[in-house]
Amino acid sequence: MSTAIDTPAAPATEKLTKKALTADHPTWCPGCGDFAVLNIFYRVLEKLQYPHENIVCVAGIGCSSRFPYFMNTHGIHFIHGRALPLATGISLSRPDVHVFVFGGDGDGFSIGGNHLNHAARKNIKLTYVIMDNFVYGLTKKQTSPTSPIGFKSKTDPTGSIDRPINPMRQLLASGATFIARTHAAQVKHMEAMFERAILHDGFSVVECLSECVMFYSGAFDDSTPRKGGTYDLIDETQHDVTDETAAFKLAENLAPGKFGVYYQVNRPTKNALEQKWIDETQSKLGGVSQKEILKKRFEAMR
């Protein structure tokens, strides 16, 4: 008689679907470009089939930062402009998860601009989607860092006199290793940019023009073909995405500017460099745990 014990079969992994990823019904205004961003994010995750339990969505404050409410994943809604420091900690401490950060032009280029620079230069392994609508919509039409000169708002009733930032040049100068630009009305292109950003090993960021139909309707008509605009794609047979100088040249004029991958380069992530450091230290100390290393460090600091 056989004495072999049957090994229980591993539970089948459920296919990741939009239904499984959907949480609360989005509460954006009808016609908001962020609806398209959310739906394309669902589509890309369905395609990549990451383990459901290994997906983390982080956001700050603003209309676009409501993303974690609408995603049935691990999610954190953090204070204004500080989504990236929190996401950095998650990425460094949990190498098994995929970290996605969502925000707007205020969260990314104003109160959170400093944190964007540091997360980018450190090359933290995460993907950051900036939904840029050229206005503070949650506070009902205030001038944002990307609002054009002359834009009339509650904070600039006679028209903005401040020069707007150039998001692509800002991102290039920050040291991000993957930088792309897309448009919420161009869903196929947006899907391609999101997928490339997510598969990049490092800090990847996508600026996505997402119209606020309530407080800045028509902001992106110049890049919307059905409204008479031009959606000018970057030709990667002519543009070397590893050439930073060429990328800066492409970013000279973003009205309406070009769309696609501006820059992509491979550079060691802070995640990999820190893990190497930890592994080497553990080896030197005879294979002790990370907790023991930390304990010894604290003792040495007394």
C-alpha atoms as a PDB file:
ATOM      1  CA  MET A   1       0.000   0.000   0.000  1.00  0.00           C
ATOM      2  CA  SER A   2       1.337   3.407  -0.914  1.00  0.00           C
ATOM      3  CA  THR A   3       2.206   5.723   1.986  1.00  0.00           C
ATOM      4  CA  ALA A   4       2.753   8.783  -0.211  1.00  0.00           C
ATOM      5  CA  ILE A   5       0.958  11.896   0.914  1.00  0.00           C
ATOM      6  CA  ASP A   6      -0.744  13.898  -1.798  1.00  0.00           C
ATOM      7  CA  THR A   7       0.477  17.495  -1.896  1.00  0.00           C
ATOM      8  CA  PRO A   8      -2.436  19.937  -2.026  1.00  0.00           C
ATOM      9  CA  ALA A   9      -2.597  21.794  -5.310  1.00  0.00           C
ATOM     10  CA  ALA A  10      -1.709  25.474  -5.140  1.00  0.00           C
ATOM     11  CA  PRO A  11      -4.802  27.667  -5.311  1.00  0.00           C
ATOM     12  CA  ALA A  12      -5.508  28.929  -8.793  1.00  0.00           C
ATOM     13  CA  THR A  13      -4.636  32.581  -9.318  1.00  0.00           C
ATOM     14  CA  GLU A  14      -7.670  34.535 -10.423  1.00  0.00           C
ATOM     15  CA  LYS A  15      -7.302  36.539 -13.581  1.00  0.00           C
ATOM     16  CA  LEU A  16      -7.033  40.251 -12.891  1.00  0.00           C
ATOM     17  CA  THR A  17      -9.996  42.028 -14.474  1.00  0.00           C
ATOM     18  CA  LYS A  18     -11.463  45.510 -14.523  1.00  0.00           C
ATOM     19  CA  LYS A  19     -14.296  44.216 -12.353  1.00  0.00           C
ATOM     20  CA  ALA A  20     -11.818  43.001  -9.749  1.00  0.00           C
ATOM     21  CA  LEU A  21      -9.924  46.306  -9.856  1.00  0.00           C
ATOM     22  CA  THR A  22     -12.977  48.562  -9.589  1.00  0.00           C
ATOM     23  CA  ALA A  23     -13.895  50.057  -6.222  1.00  0.00           C
ATOM     24  CA  ASP A  24     -16.072  53.141  -5.644  1.00  0.00           C
ATOM     25  CA  HIS A  25     -17.784  54.789  -8.601  1.00  0.00           C
ATOM     26  CA  PRO A  26     -15.694  57.783  -9.773  1.00  0.00           C
ATOM     27  CA  THR A  27     -17.048  61.124  -8.591  1.00  0.00           C
ATOM     28  CA  TRP A  28     -15.358  63.370 -11.135  1.00  0.00           C
ATOM     29  CA  CYS A  29     -17.435  65.875 -13.080  1.00  0.00           C
ATOM     30  CA  PRO A  30     -19.067  64.508 -16.259  1.00  0.00           C
ATOM     31  CA  GLY A  31     -16.619  64.860 -19.147  1.00  0.00           C
ATOM     32  CA  CYS A  32     -13.491  65.022 -16.986  1.00  0.00           C
ATOM     33  CA  GLY A  33     -10.419  63.602 -18.709  1.00  0.00           C
ATOM     34  CA  ASP A  34      -9.519  61.632 -15.583  1.00  0.00           C
ATOM     35  CA  PHE A  35     -12.213  59.045 -16.400  1.00  0.00           C
ATOM     36  CA  ALA A  36     -10.216  58.017 -19.480  1.00  0.00           C
ATOM     37  CA  VAL A  37      -6.992  57.832 -17.461  1.00  0.00           C
ATOM     38  CA  LEU A  38      -8.634  55.513 -14.929  1.00  0.00           C
ATOM     39  CA  ASN A  39     -10.080  53.238 -17.607  1.00  0.00           C
ATOM     40  CA  ILE A  40      -6.774  52.955 -19.443  1.00  0.00           C
ATOM     41  CA  PHE A  41      -5.009  52.156 -16.178  1.00  0.00           C
ATOM     42  CA  TYR A  42      -7.500  49.313 -15.659  1.00  0.00           C
ATOM     43  CA  ARG A  43      -6.790  48.092 -19.191  1.00  0.00           C
ATOM     44  CA  VAL A  44      -3.005  48.113 -18.774  1.00  0.00           C
ATOM     45  CA  LEU A  45      -3.188  46.238 -15.458  1.00  0.00           C
ATOM     46  CA  GLU A  46      -5.483  43.669 -17.080  1.00  0.00           C
ATOM     47  CA  LYS A  47      -2.854  43.193 -19.778  1.00  0.00           C
ATOM     48  CA  LEU A  48       0.148  42.955 -17.443  1.00  0.00           C
ATOM     49  CA  GLN A  49      -1.622  40.651 -14.956  1.00  0.00           C
ATOM     50  CA  TYR A  50       0.374  41.634 -11.884  1.00  0.00           C
ATOM     51  CA  PRO A  51      -0.745  39.815  -8.718  1.00  0.00           C
ATOM     52  CA  HIS A  52      -3.677  41.770  -7.348  1.00  0.00           C
ATOM     53  CA  GLU A  53      -2.199  41.858  -3.855  1.00  0.00           C
ATOM     54  CA  ASN A  54       1.038  43.402  -5.159  1.00  0.00           C
ATOM     55  CA  ILE A  55      -0.489  46.595  -6.561  1.00  0.00           C
ATOM     56  CA  VAL A  56      -0.276  49.826  -4.537  1.00  0.00           C
ATOM     57  CA  CYS A  57      -1.824  53.163  -5.529  1.00  0.00           C
ATOM     58  CA  VAL A  58      -0.693  56.352  -3.778  1.00  0.00           C
ATOM     59  CA  ALA A  59      -2.008  59.886  -4.258  1.00  0.00           C
ATOM     60  CA  GLY A  60      -1.928  63.331  -2.668  1.00  0.00           C
ATOM     61  CA  ILE A  61      -4.624  66.006  -2.845  1.00  0.00           C
ATOM     62  CA  GLY A  62      -6.655  67.167  -5.827  1.00  0.00           C
ATOM     63  CA  CYS A  63      -9.282  65.887  -8.238  1.00  0.00           C
ATOM     64  CA  SER A  64      -6.867  63.426  -9.862  1.00  0.00           C
ATOM     65  CA  SER A  65      -5.619  62.290  -6.463  1.00  0.00           C
ATOM     66  CA  ARG A  66      -8.938  60.588  -5.740  1.00  0.00           C
ATOM     67  CA  PHE A  67      -7.567  57.649  -7.728  1.00  0.00           C
ATOM     68  CA  PRO A  68      -7.021  55.299  -4.748  1.00  0.00           C
ATOM     69  CA  TYR A  69     -10.738  55.548  -3.889  1.00  0.00           C
ATOM     70  CA  PHE A  70     -11.651  54.106  -7.259  1.00  0.00           C
ATOM     71  CA  MET A  71      -9.029  51.314  -7.330  1.00  0.00           C
ATOM     72  CA  ASN A  72      -9.651  48.052  -5.479  1.00  0.00           C
ATOM     73  CA  THR A  73      -5.978  47.667  -4.586  1.00  0.00           C
ATOM     74  CA  HIS A  74      -3.795  48.669  -1.690  1.00  0.00           C
ATOM     75  CA  GLY A  75      -4.204  52.432  -1.624  1.00  0.00           C
ATOM     76  CA  ILE A  76      -3.143  55.458   0.377  1.00  0.00           C
ATOM     77  CA  HIS A  77      -4.449  59.023   0.118  1.00  0.00           C
ATOM     78  CA  PHE A  78      -1.713  61.229   1.577  1.00  0.00           C
ATOM     79  CA  ILE A  79      -1.284  64.940   2.332  1.00  0.00           C
ATOM     80  CA  HIS A  80      -0.861  67.528  -0.411  1.00  0.00           C
ATOM     81  CA  GLY A  81       2.415  67.218  -2.319  1.00  0.00           C
ATOM     82  CA  ARG A  82       3.797  64.395  -0.168  1.00  0.00           C
ATOM     83  CA  ALA A  83       2.649  61.357  -2.129  1.00  0.00           C
ATOM     84  CA  LEU A  84       6.128  60.678  -3.547  1.00  0.00           C
ATOM     85  CA  PRO A  85       8.030  60.496  -0.219  1.00  0.00           C
ATOM     86  CA  LEU A  86       5.453  58.008   1.059  1.00  0.00           C
ATOM     87  CA  ALA A  87       5.567  56.020  -2.180  1.00  0.00           C
ATOM     88  CA  THR A  88       9.377  56.016  -1.963  1.00  0.00           C
ATOM     89  CA  GLY A  89       9.207  54.350   1.439  1.00  0.00           C
ATOM     90  CA  ILE A  90       6.770  51.733   0.172  1.00  0.00           C
ATOM     91  CA  SER A  91       8.895  50.966  -2.881  1.00  0.00           C
ATOM     92  CA  LEU A  92      12.152  50.652  -0.911  1.00  0.00           C
ATOM     93  CA  SER A  93      10.694  48.553   1.907  1.00  0.00           C
ATOM     94  CA  ARG A  94       8.546  46.252  -0.238  1.00  0.00           C
ATOM     95  CA  PRO A  95      10.405  45.114  -3.364  1.00  0.00           C
ATOM     96  CA  ASP A  96       7.569  42.691  -4.143  1.00  0.00           C
ATOM     97  CA  VAL A  97       4.970  45.373  -4.887  1.00  0.00           C
ATOM     98  CA  HIS A  98       4.317  47.626  -7.874  1.00  0.00           C
ATOM     99  CA  VAL A  99       3.893  51.237  -6.777  1.00  0.00           C
ATOM    100  CA  PHE A 100       1.793  53.723  -8.766  1.00  0.00           C
ATOM    101  CA  VAL A 101       1.457  57.393  -7.851  1.00  0.00           C
ATOM    102  CA  PHE A 102      -1.253  59.699  -9.195  1.00  0.00           C
ATOM    103  CA  GLY A 103      -1.524  63.471  -8.946  1.00  0.00           C
ATOM    104  CA  GLY A 104      -2.148  66.713 -10.747  1.00  0.00           C
ATOM    105  CA  ASP A 105      -0.113  69.713 -11.805  1.00  0.00           C
ATOM    106  CA  GLY A 106      -0.382  71.263  -8.343  1.00  0.00           C
ATOM    107  CA  ASP A 107       0.553  68.130  -6.447  1.00  0.00           C
ATOM    108  CA  GLY A 108       3.427  67.422  -8.833  1.00  0.00           C
ATOM    109  CA  PHE A 109       4.804  70.798  -9.870  1.00  0.00           C
ATOM    110  CA  SER A 110       3.860  73.144  -7.013  1.00  0.00           C
ATOM    111  CA  ILE A 111       3.672  71.997  -3.395  1.00  0.00           C
ATOM    112  CA  GLY A 112       5.130  68.613  -4.349  1.00  0.00           C
ATOM    113  CA  GLY A 113       7.742  69.856  -6.819  1.00  0.00           C
ATOM    114  CA  ASN A 114      10.634  69.461  -4.394  1.00  0.00           C
ATOM    115  CA  HIS A 115       9.708  65.855  -3.648  1.00  0.00           C
ATOM    116  CA  LEU A 116       9.367  65.114  -7.364  1.00  0.00           C
ATOM    117  CA  ASN A 117      12.953  66.233  -7.943  1.00  0.00           C
ATOM    118  CA  HIS A 118      14.367  64.009  -5.216  1.00  0.00           C
ATOM    119  CA  ALA A 119      12.350  60.896  -6.049  1.00  0.00           C
ATOM    120  CA  ALA A 120      13.396  61.295  -9.680  1.00  0.00           C
ATOM    121  CA  ARG A 121      17.126  61.862  -9.077  1.00  0.00           C
ATOM    122  CA  LYS A 122      17.246  58.854  -6.738  1.00  0.00           C
ATOM    123  CA  ASN A 123      15.603  56.755  -9.464  1.00  0.00           C
ATOM    124  CA  ILE A 124      13.058  55.136  -7.157  1.00  0.00           C
ATOM    125  CA  LYS A 125      11.301  52.201  -8.789  1.00  0.00           C
ATOM    126  CA  LEU A 126       7.749  53.471  -9.268  1.00  0.00           C
ATOM    127  CA  THR A 127       5.454  54.989 -11.886  1.00  0.00           C
ATOM    128  CA  TYR A 128       4.088  58.521 -11.513  1.00  0.00           C
ATOM    129  CA  VAL A 129       1.137  59.748 -13.607  1.00  0.00           C
ATOM    130  CA  ILE A 130       0.625  63.518 -13.548  1.00  0.00           C
ATOM    131  CA  MET A 131      -2.815  64.507 -14.820  1.00  0.00           C
ATOM    132  CA  ASP A 132      -2.194  68.088 -15.910  1.00  0.00           C
ATOM    133  CA  ASN A 133      -5.263  70.265 -16.520  1.00  0.00           C
ATOM    134  CA  PHE A 134      -3.600  73.720 -16.239  1.00  0.00           C
ATOM    135  CA  VAL A 135      -5.883  74.715 -13.330  1.00  0.00           C
ATOM    136  CA  TYR A 136      -6.683  73.981  -9.694  1.00  0.00           C
ATOM    137  CA  GLY A 137     -10.082  72.374 -10.185  1.00  0.00           C
ATOM    138  CA  LEU A 138     -10.785  71.025  -6.696  1.00  0.00           C
ATOM    139  CA  THR A 139     -10.598  74.572  -5.307  1.00  0.00           C
ATOM    140  CA  LYS A 140     -12.892  75.782  -8.078  1.00  0.00           C
ATOM    141  CA  LYS A 141     -10.635  77.519 -10.603  1.00  0.00           C
ATOM    142  CA  GLN A 142      -7.391  78.858  -9.242  1.00  0.00           C
ATOM    143  CA  THR A 143      -4.185  79.449 -11.202  1.00  0.00           C
ATOM    144  CA  SER A 144      -1.838  76.451 -11.207  1.00  0.00           C
ATOM    145  CA  PRO A 145       1.895  76.185 -12.062  1.00  0.00           C
ATOM    146  CA  THR A 146       1.024  75.229 -15.642  1.00  0.00           C
ATOM    147  CA  SER A 147      -1.714  77.822 -16.261  1.00  0.00           C
ATOM    148  CA  PRO A 148      -0.773  79.974 -19.272  1.00  0.00           C
ATOM    149  CA  ILE A 149      -0.120  83.711 -19.059  1.00  0.00           C
ATOM    150  CA  GLY A 150      -3.423  85.570 -19.301  1.00  0.00           C
ATOM    151  CA  PHE A 151      -5.517  82.777 -17.747  1.00  0.00           C
ATOM    152  CA  LYS A 152      -8.287  84.344 -15.653  1.00  0.00           C
ATOM    153  CA  SER A 153      -9.118  82.615 -12.394  1.00  0.00           C
ATOM    154  CA  LYS A 154     -10.266  83.354  -8.847  1.00  0.00           C
ATOM    155  CA  THR A 155      -6.665  84.013  -7.868  1.00  0.00           C
ATOM    156  CA  ASP A 156      -5.898  85.999 -11.046  1.00  0.00           C
ATOM    157  CA  PRO A 157      -9.154  87.745 -11.999  1.00  0.00           C
ATOM    158  CA  THR A 158      -7.386  90.000 -14.519  1.00  0.00           C
ATOM    159  CA  GLY A 159      -5.286  87.165 -15.964  1.00  0.00           C
ATOM    160  CA  SER A 160      -2.171  85.345 -14.813  1.00  0.00           C
ATOM    161  CA  ILE A 161       1.067  87.312 -15.157  1.00  0.00           C
ATOM    162  CA  ASP A 162       3.349  84.493 -14.001  1.00  0.00           C
ATOM    163  CA  ARG A 163       5.314  82.413 -16.472  1.00  0.00           C
ATOM    164  CA  PRO A 164       4.139  78.768 -16.336  1.00  0.00           C
ATOM    165  CA  ILE A 165       6.651  75.997 -15.818  1.00  0.00           C
ATOM    166  CA  ASN A 166       7.643  73.684 -18.665  1.00  0.00           C
ATOM    167  CA  PRO A 167       6.777  70.212 -17.305  1.00  0.00           C
ATOM    168  CA  MET A 168       8.988  68.278 -19.719  1.00  0.00           C
ATOM    169  CA  ARG A 169      12.053  70.397 -19.023  1.00  0.00           C
ATOM    170  CA  GLN A 170      11.350  70.207 -15.309  1.00  0.00           C
ATOM    171  CA  LEU A 171      11.211  66.420 -15.470  1.00  0.00           C
ATOM    172  CA  LEU A 172      14.334  66.162 -17.618  1.00  0.00           C
ATOM    173  CA  ALA A 173      16.274  68.345 -15.208  1.00  0.00           C
ATOM    174  CA  SER A 174      15.073  66.264 -12.248  1.00  0.00           C
ATOM    175  CA  GLY A 175      16.900  63.149 -13.425  1.00  0.00           C
ATOM    176  CA  ALA A 176      13.908  60.891 -14.126  1.00  0.00           C
ATOM    177  CA  THR A 177      14.928  57.905 -16.259  1.00  0.00           C
ATOM    178  CA  PHE A 178      11.650  57.594 -18.200  1.00  0.00           C
ATOM    179  CA  ILE A 179       9.693  60.667 -19.296  1.00  0.00           C
ATOM    180  CA  ALA A 180       6.668  60.634 -21.587  1.00  0.00           C
ATOM    181  CA  ARG A 181       3.777  62.911 -22.528  1.00  0.00           C
ATOM    182  CA  THR A 182       0.293  61.887 -23.601  1.00  0.00           C
ATOM    183  CA  HIS A 183      -3.316  63.092 -23.780  1.00  0.00           C
ATOM    184  CA  ALA A 184      -6.444  61.721 -22.096  1.00  0.00           C
ATOM    185  CA  ALA A 185      -8.387  62.059 -25.361  1.00  0.00           C
ATOM    186  CA  GLN A 186      -5.868  59.842 -27.220  1.00  0.00           C
ATOM    187  CA  VAL A 187      -6.580  56.577 -25.423  1.00  0.00           C
ATOM    188  CA  LYS A 188      -4.488  54.209 -27.569  1.00  0.00           C
ATOM    189  CA  HIS A 189      -1.438  56.416 -27.241  1.00  0.00           C
ATOM    190  CA  MET A 190      -2.057  56.835 -23.516  1.00  0.00           C
ATOM    191  CA  GLU A 191      -2.240  53.056 -23.104  1.00  0.00           C
ATOM    192  CA  ALA A 192       1.085  52.595 -24.909  1.00  0.00           C
ATOM    193  CA  MET A 193       2.782  55.273 -22.783  1.00  0.00           C
ATOM    194  CA  PHE A 194       1.440  53.819 -19.526  1.00  0.00           C
ATOM    195  CA  GLU A 195       2.595  50.318 -20.402  1.00  0.00           C
ATOM    196  CA  ARG A 196       6.100  51.458 -21.349  1.00  0.00           C
ATOM    197  CA  ALA A 197       6.348  53.525 -18.182  1.00  0.00           C
ATOM    198  CA  ILE A 198       5.241  50.668 -15.944  1.00  0.00           C
ATOM    199  CA  LEU A 199       7.669  48.206 -17.537  1.00  0.00           C
ATOM    200  CA  HIS A 200      10.588  50.622 -17.114  1.00  0.00           C
ATOM    201  CA  ASP A 201      12.962  49.658 -14.301  1.00  0.00           C
ATOM    202  CA  GLY A 202      13.282  52.967 -12.487  1.00  0.00           C
ATOM    203  CA  PHE A 203      11.465  56.248 -11.882  1.00  0.00           C
ATOM    204  CA  SER A 204       9.004  56.609 -14.740  1.00  0.00           C
ATOM    205  CA  VAL A 205       6.732  59.605 -15.144  1.00  0.00           C
ATOM    206  CA  VAL A 206       3.998  60.386 -17.643  1.00  0.00           C
ATOM    207  CA  GLU A 207       2.462  63.833 -18.000  1.00  0.00           C
ATOM    208  CA  CYS A 208      -1.084  63.329 -19.243  1.00  0.00           C
ATOM    209  CA  LEU A 209      -3.074  66.335 -20.423  1.00  0.00           C
ATOM    210  CA  SER A 210      -6.499  65.850 -18.860  1.00  0.00           C
ATOM    211  CA  GLU A 211      -9.065  68.541 -19.540  1.00  0.00           C
ATOM    212  CA  CYS A 212     -11.081  70.112 -16.724  1.00  0.00           C
ATOM    213  CA  VAL A 213     -14.367  70.716 -18.517  1.00  0.00           C
ATOM    214  CA  MET A 214     -15.797  72.711 -15.601  1.00  0.00           C
ATOM    215  CA  PHE A 215     -13.059  75.293 -15.021  1.00  0.00           C
ATOM    216  CA  TYR A 216     -10.832  75.236 -18.112  1.00  0.00           C
ATOM    217  CA  SER A 217     -12.846  73.881 -20.998  1.00  0.00           C
ATOM    218  CA  GLY A 218     -10.944  73.925 -24.283  1.00  0.00           C
ATOM    219  CA  ALA A 219      -7.522  74.102 -22.655  1.00  0.00           C
ATOM    220  CA  PHE A 220      -6.137  71.456 -25.002  1.00  0.00           C
ATOM    221  CA  ASP A 221      -8.064  72.131 -28.195  1.00  0.00           C
ATOM    222  CA  ASP A 222      -4.758  72.897 -29.959  1.00  0.00           C
ATOM    223  CA  SER A 223      -3.721  69.244 -29.496  1.00  0.00           C
ATOM    224  CA  THR A 224      -7.130  67.674 -30.186  1.00  0.00           C
ATOM    225  CA  PRO A 225      -7.621  66.841 -33.898  1.00  0.00           C
ATOM    226  CA  ARG A 226     -11.423  66.679 -33.698  1.00  0.00           C
ATOM    227  CA  LYS A 227     -11.343  70.276 -32.463  1.00  0.00           C
ATOM    228  CA  GLY A 228      -8.973  71.418 -35.178  1.00  0.00           C
ATOM    229  CA  GLY A 229      -5.756  70.857 -33.251  1.00  0.00           C
ATOM    230  CA  THR A 230      -2.646  68.792 -34.016  1.00  0.00           C
ATOM    231  CA  TYR A 231      -1.566  65.718 -32.098  1.00  0.00           C
ATOM    232  CA  ASP A 232       2.096  65.643 -33.075  1.00  0.00           C
ATOM    233  CA  LEU A 233       3.779  62.345 -32.174  1.00  0.00           C
ATOM    234  CA  ILE A 234       7.491  61.928 -31.545  1.00  0.00           C
ATOM    235  CA  ASP A 235       9.093  59.882 -34.313  1.00  0.00           C
ATOM    236  CA  GLU A 236      11.472  57.525 -32.494  1.00  0.00           C
ATOM    237  CA  THR A 237      13.154  56.585 -35.768  1.00  0.00           C
ATOM    238  CA  GLN A 238      14.416  60.183 -35.790  1.00  0.00           C
ATOM    239  CA  HIS A 239      14.580  60.943 -32.062  1.00  0.00           C
ATOM    240  CA  ASP A 240      17.087  59.105 -29.856  1.00  0.00           C
ATOM    241  CA  VAL A 241      15.273  58.653 -26.524  1.00  0.00           C
ATOM    242  CA  THR A 242      18.615  58.252 -24.718  1.00  0.00           C
ATOM    243  CA  ASP A 243      19.794  61.696 -25.862  1.00  0.00           C
ATOM    244  CA  GLU A 244      19.032  64.160 -23.076  1.00  0.00           C
ATOM    245  CA  THR A 245      20.034  67.182 -25.163  1.00  0.00           C
ATOM    246  CA  ALA A 246      17.657  66.130 -27.934  1.00  0.00           C
ATOM    247  CA  ALA A 247      14.892  65.677 -25.357  1.00  0.00           C
ATOM    248  CA  PHE A 248      15.405  69.214 -24.047  1.00  0.00           C
ATOM    249  CA  LYS A 249      15.206  70.446 -27.631  1.00  0.00           C
ATOM    250  CA  LEU A 250      11.847  68.671 -28.116  1.00  0.00           C
ATOM    251  CA  ALA A 251      10.548  70.336 -24.974  1.00  0.00           C
ATOM    252  CA  GLU A 252      11.206  73.887 -26.156  1.00  0.00           C
ATOM    253  CA  ASN A 253       7.576  74.645 -26.993  1.00  0.00           C
ATOM    254  CA  LEU A 254       4.739  72.697 -25.372  1.00  0.00           C
ATOM    255  CA  ALA A 255       1.887  74.625 -26.971  1.00  0.00           C
ATOM    256  CA  PRO A 256       0.756  72.130 -28.076  1.00  0.00           C
ATOM    257  CA  GLY A 257       4.137  70.388 -28.182  1.00  0.00           C
ATOM    258  CA  LYS A 258       4.961  66.796 -29.040  1.00  0.00           C
ATOM    259  CA  PHE A 259       3.628  63.597 -27.512  1.00  0.00           C
ATOM    260  CA  GLY A 260       5.430  60.343 -26.824  1.00  0.00           C
ATOM    261  CA  VAL A 261       8.606  59.248 -25.055  1.00  0.00           C
ATOM    262  CA  TYR A 262      10.990  62.173 -24.601  1.00  0.00           C
ATOM    263  CA  TYR A 263      13.658  60.346 -22.650  1.00  0.00           C
ATOM    264  CA  GLN A 264      14.451  56.813 -21.505  1.00  0.00           C
ATOM    265  CA  VAL A 265      17.713  55.544 -20.080  1.00  0.00           C
ATOM    266  CA  ASN A 266      18.761  52.632 -17.896  1.00  0.00           C
ATOM    267  CA  ARG A 267      20.410  53.545 -14.614  1.00  0.00           C
ATOM    268  CA  PRO A 268      20.641  51.557 -11.353  1.00  0.00           C
ATOM    269  CA  THR A 269      17.658  52.201  -9.091  1.00  0.00           C
ATOM    270  CA  LYS A 270      18.017  53.239  -5.482  1.00  0.00           C
ATOM    271  CA  ASN A 271      16.098  50.045  -4.712  1.00  0.00           C
ATOM    272  CA  ALA A 272      18.792  47.862  -6.294  1.00  0.00           C
ATOM    273  CA  LEU A 273      21.691  49.862  -4.825  1.00  0.00           C
ATOM    274  CA  GLU A 274      20.262  49.746  -1.309  1.00  0.00           C
ATOM    275  CA  GLN A 275      19.543  46.034  -1.573  1.00  0.00           C
ATOM    276  CA  LYS A 276      23.139  45.419  -2.670  1.00  0.00           C
ATOM    277  CA  TRP A 277      24.345  47.399   0.319  1.00  0.00           C
ATOM    278  CA  ILE A 278      22.110  45.380   2.671  1.00  0.00           C
ATOM    279  CA  ASP A 279      23.209  42.062   1.168  1.00  0.00           C
ATOM    280  CA  GLU A 280      26.897  42.952   1.479  1.00  0.00           C
ATOM    281  CA  THR A 281      26.457  44.088   5.079  1.00  0.00           C
ATOM    282  CA  GLN A 282      24.581  40.916   6.027  1.00  0.00           C
ATOM    283  CA  SER A 283      27.318  38.832   4.438  1.00  0.00           C
ATOM    284  CA  LYS A 284      30.039  40.655   6.387  1.00  0.00           C
ATOM    285  CA  LEU A 285      28.143  40.175   9.638  1.00  0.00           C
ATOM    286  CA  GLY A 286      27.580  36.468   9.158  1.00  0.00           C
ATOM    287  CA  GLY A 287      24.119  36.507   7.667  1.00  0.00           C
ATOM    288  CA  VAL A 288      22.319  38.389  10.449  1.00  0.00           C
ATOM    289  CA  SER A 289      18.858  39.747   9.813  1.00  0.00           C
ATOM    290  CA  GLN A 290      18.137  43.308   8.724  1.00  0.00           C
ATOM    291  CA  LYS A 291      16.533  43.859  12.126  1.00  0.00           C
ATOM    292  CA  GLU A 292      19.767  42.871  13.867  1.00  0.00           C
ATOM    293  CA  ILE A 293      21.796  45.192  11.629  1.00  0.00           C
ATOM    294  CA  LEU A 294      19.501  48.071  12.564  1.00  0.00           C
ATOM    295  CA  LYS A 295      19.756  47.151  16.256  1.00  0.00           C
ATOM    296  CA  LYS A 296      23.584  47.150  16.081  1.00  0.00           C
ATOM    297  CA  ARG A 297      23.523  50.503  14.326  1.00  0.00           C
ATOM    298  CA  PHE A 298      21.377  52.051  17.037  1.00  0.00           C
ATOM    299  CA  GLU A 299      23.671  50.653  19.718  1.00  0.00           C
ATOM    300  CA  ALA A 300      26.679  52.223  17.996  1.00  0.00           C
ATOM    301  CA  MET A 301      24.929  55.594  17.968  1.00  0.00           C
ATOM    302  CA  ARG A 302      24.517  55.741  21.759  1.00  0.00           C
END
